[in-house]
C-alpha cells in the first residue's frame, strides 16, 4: 500500500514538474472589451489544507485590482462576469538529496532517485491546481473555463531560506496573476 502511494505521488510530481501550464477546456466566447466588472465569490477548497482558499482569494482580488482593466463588484447580480474558482489540488513534497553527493541537481531533476528516508531534506516542492470558470451571473451560462497549474520549490536550510508560508504566498501570487492574465486574454 505504501509503495502504491509512493508510485502515484511520484507520477503526479513528474506531471507537475513538467512546468506551469494552463489548459482551456471550453471556450464559448472571449470576453469582450466591454466587460469591465467582475464578481469573485469565495474560492472553493477541495483539498484537506485549511484556509488556502481565503489566501488565494485575497491574492486574486489584489491581482484584479492591480490589472486595472476590471472593477471588482461585491454583488453578483450587478457584475458582468463571475469568476468562480476551485482549488482541486495542493501538494507539498520534500525533495531529499543523499548526503554523499556533490551534485544535488542530479537528484532534483530525476524523481526516481528521490528517497525520503535517505539523506537530508533542504528543498521542498509545493504545487497547486485551480479550476477557473467565467460565468454569466444573469443566466449562469459558462463562458470559459480552464485549469491553472503552478508549482515552486523553496529551501529551508541553504540560503535563500524560506518557510512554507512565504513560499505559498509566492505560489498564490503567481497563480492569481495567471488567472487574471487568462481572464484578460
Foldseek 3Di string as FASTA:
>chain_A
DVVVVVVVVLVVVVVQVVFWDKDWDDAPDADDLPAAEEEEDQAAEQDPDPPPRVLLSVLLVVLSVVVPRHDYDPDLVPHQKYKYKYWNDKDKAFAFDAPPDPDCVVRVVDVVPGDPPHHDTFKMKIKTKMKIWIAGSVVRDTRIIMITIHMDMATCPDPVHDDPVVVSSVRSNVRSNVVSVVNVD
